[in-house]
Amino acid sequence: MVYNPSGKHRILVTKELPGKDWLKILTDADCRIEVCTSREILSKEILIKRIGNNCRAVIGQLTEKWDMELIEILKKAGGLIYCNYAVGYDNVDVAAATKINILIGNTPGVLTEATAEMAMALTMACSRKIVEADAFTRDGKFVGWLPDLFLGKRLWRGTAGIIGAGRIGSVYAMMMIQSFQMNLIYFDHKRNTGLEKKIEGYNEYLEKTGCEPVTITFTGSVDQVLKEADLVSLHIPLTKETWHLISKKQLMIMKSDAVLINSSRGPVIDEDALAEHCRSHPDFTAGLDVFEMEPVVNEHLKKLHNVTISPHIASATRWSRENMAKLAALNIKGVIEGYPLWDEPQIEPFLKSVVPKAIPSIINKSLF
């Protein structure tokens, strides 16, 4: 599908994106926008063919492997920037792109709350066995109230464990604390003082209303989080260090009735080890929105009642996905028109009708 066919700058978009704002942004930048309408994951061969010998920029997907070969082909076609329609970029060889002066953009900030909400939804589904109970009821097995029917896990005043206290992890932490007055233990490479100040403010409210304050524990040990938390939610990027961060050894550290949530990247969990652990620990539950061999879902996990799975939809609110497309388009427009790089942490100014004349988000900032 082609939009603004007379545009000067040819832009390839590898999937249809929601909303219209992003199209207007690129049209205003005098771009010819070619959108692949296939819902299948595009192979490298197809991507090479689509790039051709004249392509200024690409908006691509996390399901595509943008390695050195693809990036070099984009460069030879006159490319300036590849933008990932995602906040994560483990599918992109950023180092290779930087060497040949190809900018790499992404879309942070606008999917924070949506992803945290999904992590919370999976937490509730696991702790209260909602999916299993739904299937039970639909199958006509419900014959009346019973004292021991689908006994779940109490979250109130328990301990929430966060591995990765960045934007999404911090919002999820506040959701669990403010909803269930949970204590917090978290791991990150550095202390999140902003999150701790928010919790201290909430504690002031609790004390004024006659409630016990919650506790905050920052630790440099993943194992300590796993050992002490009633639920653990993963909010980390996929790197060499985080691949299979959660495997057999780490699972055995966790409480036998713990809840494990992953809405970050699938390979941070060893799925075979998780399946075996869930089989041998029926009170342990896991909620997964991402998978190790995505889009393939581990067959062992599919068969387990104490595992809740969803098809990588954590950021799938219309608002988030439309604004991800808008940020991707603004990244490209900004590069084409020679704007400076945005140097503020807040992305909200780019969501308004009149936006800054700047490039919202570039990974390899050293090129500026």
Protein backbone atom coordinates (compact mmCIF):
# COMPACT_ATOMS: atom_id res chain seq x y z
CA MET A 1 0.00 0.00 0.00
CA VAL A 2 1.44 3.37 -1.02
CA TYR A 3 0.64 6.73 0.57
CA ASN A 4 1.68 10.06 -0.93
CA PRO A 5 3.15 8.41 -4.06
CA SER A 6 4.74 11.63 -5.30
CA GLY A 7 6.78 12.09 -2.10
CA LYS A 8 10.50 12.77 -2.49
CA HIS A 9 11.76 10.43 0.26
CA ARG A 10 10.86 6.74 -0.02
CA ILE A 11 10.01 5.23 3.38
CA LEU A 12 9.42 1.52 3.98
CA VAL A 13 7.05 0.43 6.76
CA THR A 14 7.09 -3.32 7.32
CA LYS A 15 3.63 -3.63 8.92
CA GLU A 16 0.40 -1.68 8.82
CA LEU A 17 0.34 0.69 11.79
CA PRO A 18 -2.72 1.98 13.66
CA GLY A 19 -3.85 5.59 13.49
CA LYS A 20 -3.43 8.37 10.92
CA ASP A 21 -1.17 10.90 12.62
CA TRP A 22 2.00 9.07 11.62
CA LEU A 23 0.99 9.14 7.95
CA LYS A 24 0.35 12.88 8.08
CA ILE A 25 3.73 13.48 9.73
CA LEU A 26 5.59 11.59 7.01
CA THR A 27 3.49 13.12 4.24
CA ASP A 28 4.28 16.60 5.56
CA ALA A 29 7.97 15.62 5.39
CA ASP A 30 7.50 14.90 1.66
CA CYS A 31 7.77 11.14 2.08
CA ARG A 32 6.47 8.40 -0.18
CA ILE A 33 5.27 5.78 2.32
CA GLU A 34 5.21 2.15 1.25
CA VAL A 35 3.50 -0.17 3.74
CA CYS A 36 3.77 -3.95 3.61
CA THR A 37 0.29 -5.34 4.19
CA SER A 38 1.31 -8.94 4.93
CA ARG A 39 0.60 -10.08 8.50
CA GLU A 40 3.36 -12.68 8.28
CA ILE A 41 6.83 -12.05 9.68
CA LEU A 42 8.90 -10.81 6.74
CA SER A 43 11.99 -12.81 5.83
CA LYS A 44 15.36 -11.18 5.24
CA GLU A 45 14.99 -11.86 1.53
CA ILE A 46 11.69 -10.01 1.37
CA LEU A 47 13.06 -7.11 3.40
CA ILE A 48 16.04 -6.80 1.06
CA LYS A 49 13.70 -6.77 -1.92
CA ARG A 50 11.45 -4.14 -0.31
CA ILE A 51 14.37 -1.88 0.56
CA GLY A 52 15.53 -1.93 -3.07
CA ASN A 53 18.08 0.65 -4.19
CA ASN A 54 16.27 3.78 -2.97
CA CYS A 55 15.10 3.92 0.64
CA ARG A 56 15.65 6.78 3.07
CA ALA A 57 14.25 5.12 6.19
CA VAL A 58 12.47 2.05 7.56
CA ILE A 59 9.96 1.58 10.33
CA GLY A 60 10.39 -2.08 11.29
CA GLN A 61 9.22 -4.57 13.86
CA LEU A 62 10.83 -6.39 16.78
CA THR A 63 10.00 -9.66 14.98
CA GLU A 64 12.57 -8.81 12.29
CA LYS A 65 16.29 -9.38 12.72
CA TRP A 66 18.04 -6.21 11.58
CA ASP A 67 21.58 -7.50 11.37
CA MET A 68 24.70 -6.02 9.76
CA GLU A 69 23.73 -7.25 6.28
CA LEU A 70 20.30 -5.61 6.30
CA ILE A 71 21.62 -2.38 7.76
CA GLU A 72 24.37 -2.19 5.14
CA ILE A 73 21.79 -2.75 2.39
CA LEU A 74 19.70 0.08 3.83
CA LYS A 75 22.80 2.31 3.85
CA LYS A 76 23.58 1.50 0.21
CA ALA A 77 20.00 2.40 -0.70
CA GLY A 78 20.51 5.89 0.72
CA GLY A 79 19.12 5.11 4.16
CA LEU A 80 19.54 7.47 7.08
CA ILE A 81 17.59 5.78 9.88
CA TYR A 82 15.98 2.52 10.95
CA CYS A 83 13.27 2.94 13.60
CA ASN A 84 12.06 0.02 15.70
CA TYR A 85 8.32 0.10 16.37
CA ALA A 86 9.04 -0.82 19.99
CA VAL A 87 10.97 0.42 22.99
CA GLY A 88 13.30 -2.61 23.03
CA TYR A 89 15.87 -3.08 20.29
CA ASP A 90 17.54 -6.45 20.93
CA ASN A 91 16.61 -7.38 17.33
CA VAL A 92 18.90 -4.66 15.95
CA ASP A 93 22.69 -4.68 15.58
CA VAL A 94 23.14 -1.16 16.92
CA ALA A 95 26.93 -1.40 16.87
CA ALA A 96 26.95 -2.26 13.14
CA ALA A 97 24.57 0.62 12.41
CA THR A 98 26.69 3.06 14.36
CA LYS A 99 29.84 2.08 12.41
CA ILE A 100 28.21 3.06 9.12
CA ASN A 101 26.31 6.11 10.43
CA ILE A 102 22.80 4.66 10.35
CA LEU A 103 20.68 6.08 13.15
CA ILE A 104 18.54 3.66 15.19
CA GLY A 105 15.31 5.00 16.65
CA ASN A 106 12.74 3.51 19.01
CA THR A 107 9.45 4.49 20.67
CA PRO A 108 9.80 4.76 24.48
CA GLY A 109 7.48 6.41 26.96
CA VAL A 110 4.12 5.80 25.30
CA LEU A 111 3.78 2.11 26.19
CA THR A 112 4.86 2.34 29.82
CA GLU A 113 1.48 2.31 31.53
CA ALA A 114 -0.08 -0.12 29.06
CA THR A 115 2.68 -2.68 29.60
CA ALA A 116 2.53 -2.25 33.36
CA GLU A 117 -1.26 -2.71 33.23
CA MET A 118 -0.82 -5.96 31.30
CA ALA A 119 1.72 -7.21 33.82
CA MET A 120 -0.79 -6.43 36.55
CA ALA A 121 -3.56 -8.20 34.61
CA LEU A 122 -1.39 -11.31 34.30
CA THR A 123 -0.61 -11.06 38.02
CA MET A 124 -4.31 -11.09 38.87
CA ALA A 125 -5.05 -13.87 36.37
CA CYS A 126 -2.35 -16.03 37.96
CA SER A 127 -3.01 -15.28 41.61
CA ARG A 128 -6.78 -15.82 41.29
CA LYS A 129 -6.72 -18.55 38.61
CA ILE A 130 -9.04 -16.51 36.39
CA VAL A 131 -8.28 -18.20 33.07
CA GLU A 132 -8.59 -21.68 34.52
CA ALA A 133 -11.84 -20.74 36.28
CA ASP A 134 -13.23 -19.22 33.08
CA ALA A 135 -12.62 -22.44 31.13
CA PHE A 136 -14.11 -24.49 33.99
CA THR A 137 -17.27 -22.40 33.95
CA ARG A 138 -17.64 -22.38 30.16
CA ASP A 139 -17.28 -26.16 30.10
CA GLY A 140 -20.36 -26.49 32.31
CA LYS A 141 -18.43 -27.86 35.28
CA PHE A 142 -19.72 -25.25 37.73
CA VAL A 143 -22.49 -26.89 39.79
CA GLY A 144 -22.46 -24.54 42.77
CA TRP A 145 -20.33 -22.73 45.30
CA LEU A 146 -17.73 -24.84 47.11
CA PRO A 147 -15.40 -23.90 49.97
CA ASP A 148 -12.26 -25.03 48.13
CA LEU A 149 -13.09 -24.11 44.54
CA PHE A 150 -10.11 -22.39 42.83
CA LEU A 151 -8.36 -21.20 45.95
CA GLY A 152 -5.97 -18.46 44.92
CA LYS A 153 -3.09 -16.52 46.39
CA ARG A 154 -3.59 -13.46 48.60
CA LEU A 155 -1.60 -10.43 47.42
CA TRP A 156 -2.69 -7.99 50.13
CA ARG A 157 0.29 -6.92 52.27
CA GLY A 158 2.54 -9.43 50.55
CA THR A 159 5.88 -8.63 48.92
CA ALA A 160 6.20 -7.61 45.28
CA GLY A 161 9.55 -8.26 43.63
CA ILE A 162 10.64 -6.21 40.62
CA ILE A 163 13.62 -7.13 38.48
CA GLY A 164 14.30 -4.02 36.42
CA ALA A 165 12.98 -0.81 37.97
CA GLY A 166 12.95 1.37 34.88
CA ARG A 167 9.90 3.15 33.50
CA ILE A 168 7.65 0.11 33.20
CA GLY A 169 8.88 -1.70 36.30
CA SER A 170 8.40 1.43 38.41
CA VAL A 171 4.82 1.97 37.25
CA TYR A 172 4.00 -1.69 37.88
CA ALA A 173 5.51 -1.43 41.36
CA MET A 174 3.33 1.57 42.22
CA MET A 175 0.24 -0.23 40.89
CA MET A 176 0.85 -3.19 43.17
CA ILE A 177 1.76 -1.04 46.17
CA GLN A 178 -1.21 1.32 45.87
CA SER A 179 -3.68 -1.46 45.03
CA PHE A 180 -2.62 -4.06 47.60
CA GLN A 181 -0.32 -2.19 50.02
CA MET A 182 2.45 -4.61 49.10
CA ASN A 183 5.99 -4.25 50.33
CA LEU A 184 8.59 -3.85 47.59
CA ILE A 185 11.92 -5.49 46.99
CA TYR A 186 13.62 -4.58 43.73
CA PHE A 187 16.77 -5.22 41.75
CA ASP A 188 18.35 -2.86 39.27
CA HIS A 189 21.86 -1.78 38.39
CA LYS A 190 21.22 1.47 40.23
CA ARG A 191 18.87 2.69 42.92
CA ASN A 192 15.64 4.29 41.66
CA THR A 193 15.36 7.28 43.98
CA GLY A 194 12.36 8.65 42.11
CA LEU A 195 10.39 5.46 42.74
CA GLU A 196 11.41 5.42 46.39
CA LYS A 197 10.27 9.02 46.87
CA LYS A 198 6.86 8.15 45.40
CA ILE A 199 6.53 5.25 47.81
CA GLU A 200 7.60 7.46 50.73
CA GLY A 201 4.84 9.88 49.72
CA TYR A 202 2.34 7.01 49.68
CA ASN A 203 3.56 5.94 53.12
CA GLU A 204 2.74 9.40 54.45
CA TYR A 205 -0.83 8.90 53.21
CA LEU A 206 -1.01 5.44 54.81
CA GLU A 207 0.18 6.75 58.16
CA LYS A 208 -2.31 9.63 58.06
CA THR A 209 -5.13 7.17 57.49
CA GLY A 210 -4.03 4.86 60.29
CA CYS A 211 -2.41 2.19 58.10
CA GLU A 212 0.97 0.54 58.39
CA PRO A 213 3.51 1.88 55.89
CA VAL A 214 4.98 -0.41 53.27
CA THR A 215 8.66 -1.27 53.14
CA ILE A 216 11.12 -0.60 50.31
CA THR A 217 14.20 -2.75 49.79
CA PHE A 218 16.74 -2.08 47.06
CA THR A 219 19.13 -4.95 46.42
CA GLY A 220 21.95 -5.67 44.01
CA SER A 221 21.01 -9.36 44.09
CA VAL A 222 18.46 -10.96 41.77
CA ASP A 223 18.47 -14.01 44.03
CA GLN A 224 17.39 -11.96 47.04
CA VAL A 225 14.36 -10.70 45.13
CA LEU A 226 13.47 -14.23 44.06
CA LYS A 227 13.84 -15.56 47.59
CA GLU A 228 11.79 -12.94 49.42
CA ALA A 229 9.03 -11.95 46.98
CA ASP A 230 5.55 -13.43 46.78
CA LEU A 231 5.41 -12.31 43.17
CA VAL A 232 8.20 -11.41 40.78
CA SER A 233 7.71 -9.30 37.66
CA LEU A 234 10.45 -9.01 35.03
CA HIS A 235 11.05 -5.65 33.33
CA ILE A 236 14.50 -6.01 31.79
CA PRO A 237 15.97 -5.76 28.30
CA LEU A 238 17.31 -8.85 26.55
CA THR A 239 21.11 -8.85 26.63
CA LYS A 240 23.84 -11.47 26.91
CA GLU A 241 23.66 -11.00 30.68
CA THR A 242 19.87 -11.40 30.96
CA TRP A 243 19.47 -14.38 28.60
CA HIS A 244 18.03 -17.21 30.76
CA LEU A 245 18.36 -15.01 33.83
CA ILE A 246 15.55 -17.14 35.24
CA SER A 247 16.40 -20.83 34.94
CA LYS A 248 16.20 -23.94 37.12
CA LYS A 249 18.48 -22.64 39.86
CA GLN A 250 16.65 -19.32 40.17
CA LEU A 251 13.20 -20.95 40.12
CA MET A 252 14.18 -23.22 43.00
CA ILE A 253 15.04 -20.15 45.08
CA MET A 254 11.50 -18.80 44.74
CA LYS A 255 8.62 -19.54 47.09
CA SER A 256 6.68 -22.66 46.13
CA ASP A 257 3.50 -20.62 45.61
CA ALA A 258 5.13 -17.56 44.03
CA VAL A 259 3.81 -15.75 40.95
CA LEU A 260 6.25 -15.07 38.09
CA ILE A 261 5.34 -12.49 35.43
CA ASN A 262 7.20 -11.75 32.20
CA SER A 263 6.14 -8.95 29.88
CA SER A 264 9.69 -7.98 28.82
CA ARG A 265 11.44 -10.44 26.47
CA GLY A 266 10.86 -14.19 26.25
CA PRO A 267 14.46 -15.47 26.36
CA VAL A 268 15.10 -14.02 29.82
CA ILE A 269 13.35 -17.20 31.05
CA ASP A 270 14.45 -20.76 30.32
CA GLU A 271 11.02 -22.04 29.29
CA ASP A 272 11.86 -25.74 29.58
CA ALA A 273 13.02 -25.16 33.15
CA LEU A 274 9.88 -23.12 33.87
CA ALA A 275 7.61 -25.83 32.48
CA GLU A 276 9.29 -28.48 34.62
CA HIS A 277 9.09 -26.24 37.69
CA CYS A 278 5.39 -25.53 37.16
CA ARG A 279 4.69 -29.26 36.71
CA SER A 280 6.40 -30.15 39.98
CA HIS A 281 5.10 -27.11 41.90
CA PRO A 282 1.35 -26.89 41.21
CA ASP A 283 0.89 -23.87 43.50
CA PHE A 284 3.51 -21.89 41.55
CA THR A 285 2.00 -19.75 38.77
CA ALA A 286 3.46 -17.93 35.78
CA GLY A 287 2.03 -15.29 33.47
CA LEU A 288 3.80 -14.84 30.14
CA ASP A 289 3.17 -12.29 27.41
CA VAL A 290 6.45 -13.06 25.61
CA PHE A 291 8.15 -16.31 24.63
CA GLU A 292 11.64 -17.69 24.22
CA MET A 293 11.17 -18.84 20.59
CA GLU A 294 8.45 -16.34 19.66
CA PRO A 295 6.08 -16.73 17.87
CA VAL A 296 6.47 -20.42 18.76
CA VAL A 297 5.03 -21.15 22.19
CA ASN A 298 6.53 -23.95 24.26
CA GLU A 299 4.19 -26.95 23.99
CA HIS A 300 4.84 -27.97 27.60
CA LEU A 301 3.74 -24.55 28.87
CA LYS A 302 0.54 -24.70 26.83
CA LYS A 303 -0.58 -27.82 28.71
CA LEU A 304 -0.13 -26.41 32.20
CA HIS A 305 -3.09 -24.95 34.11
CA ASN A 306 -0.81 -22.86 36.30
CA VAL A 307 0.62 -20.96 33.34
CA THR A 308 -1.30 -18.06 31.77
CA ILE A 309 -0.18 -16.98 28.31
CA SER A 310 -1.04 -14.08 26.01
CA PRO A 311 0.28 -13.24 22.49
CA HIS A 312 2.71 -10.35 23.15
CA ILE A 313 -0.02 -7.74 23.65
CA ALA A 314 1.32 -5.84 26.66
CA SER A 315 1.46 -2.52 24.77
CA ALA A 316 -1.73 -3.24 22.83
CA THR A 317 -3.94 -0.34 23.73
CA ARG A 318 -5.04 1.80 20.82
CA TRP A 319 -3.59 4.93 22.44
CA SER A 320 -0.17 3.33 22.94
CA ARG A 321 0.13 1.74 19.52
CA GLU A 322 -1.02 4.88 17.68
CA ASN A 323 1.47 7.02 19.59
CA MET A 324 4.26 4.49 18.98
CA ALA A 325 3.59 5.01 15.27
CA LYS A 326 3.62 8.77 15.78
CA LEU A 327 6.98 8.69 17.56
CA ALA A 328 8.48 6.47 14.86
CA ALA A 329 7.31 8.91 12.18
CA LEU A 330 8.64 11.89 14.14
CA ASN A 331 12.02 10.17 14.45
CA ILE A 332 12.19 9.85 10.67
CA LYS A 333 10.83 13.33 9.95
CA GLY A 334 13.33 14.82 12.38
CA VAL A 335 16.28 13.06 10.74
CA ILE A 336 15.19 13.99 7.20
CA GLU A 337 14.67 17.64 8.14
CA GLY A 338 17.88 17.89 10.16
CA TYR A 339 16.39 18.47 13.60
CA PRO A 340 18.50 18.15 16.76
CA LEU A 341 18.11 15.23 19.14
CA TRP A 342 15.60 15.70 21.98
CA ASP A 343 17.59 15.85 25.22
CA GLU A 344 14.78 15.68 27.79
CA PRO A 345 13.53 12.47 29.49
CA GLN A 346 9.86 13.38 28.97
CA ILE A 347 8.33 12.25 25.69
CA GLU A 348 4.90 13.83 26.32
CA PRO A 349 5.58 17.02 24.28
CA PHE A 350 5.62 14.86 21.12
CA LEU A 351 2.09 13.59 21.81
CA LYS A 352 0.51 17.03 21.44
CA SER A 353 -0.89 18.60 18.28
CA VAL A 354 2.11 20.95 18.01
CA VAL A 355 5.33 19.04 18.62
CA PRO A 356 8.95 20.13 19.21
CA LYS A 357 11.25 20.43 16.21
CA ALA A 358 13.46 17.65 17.50
CA ILE A 359 14.06 13.92 17.06
CA PRO A 360 12.26 12.12 19.93
CA SER A 361 14.39 9.02 20.51
CA ILE A 362 17.65 7.73 19.03
CA ILE A 363 19.56 4.79 20.51
CA ASN A 364 23.02 5.49 19.08
CA LYS A 365 23.23 9.09 20.28
CA SER A 366 26.98 9.13 19.71
CA LEU A 367 26.30 9.85 16.03
CA PHE A 368 25.07 13.34 16.94
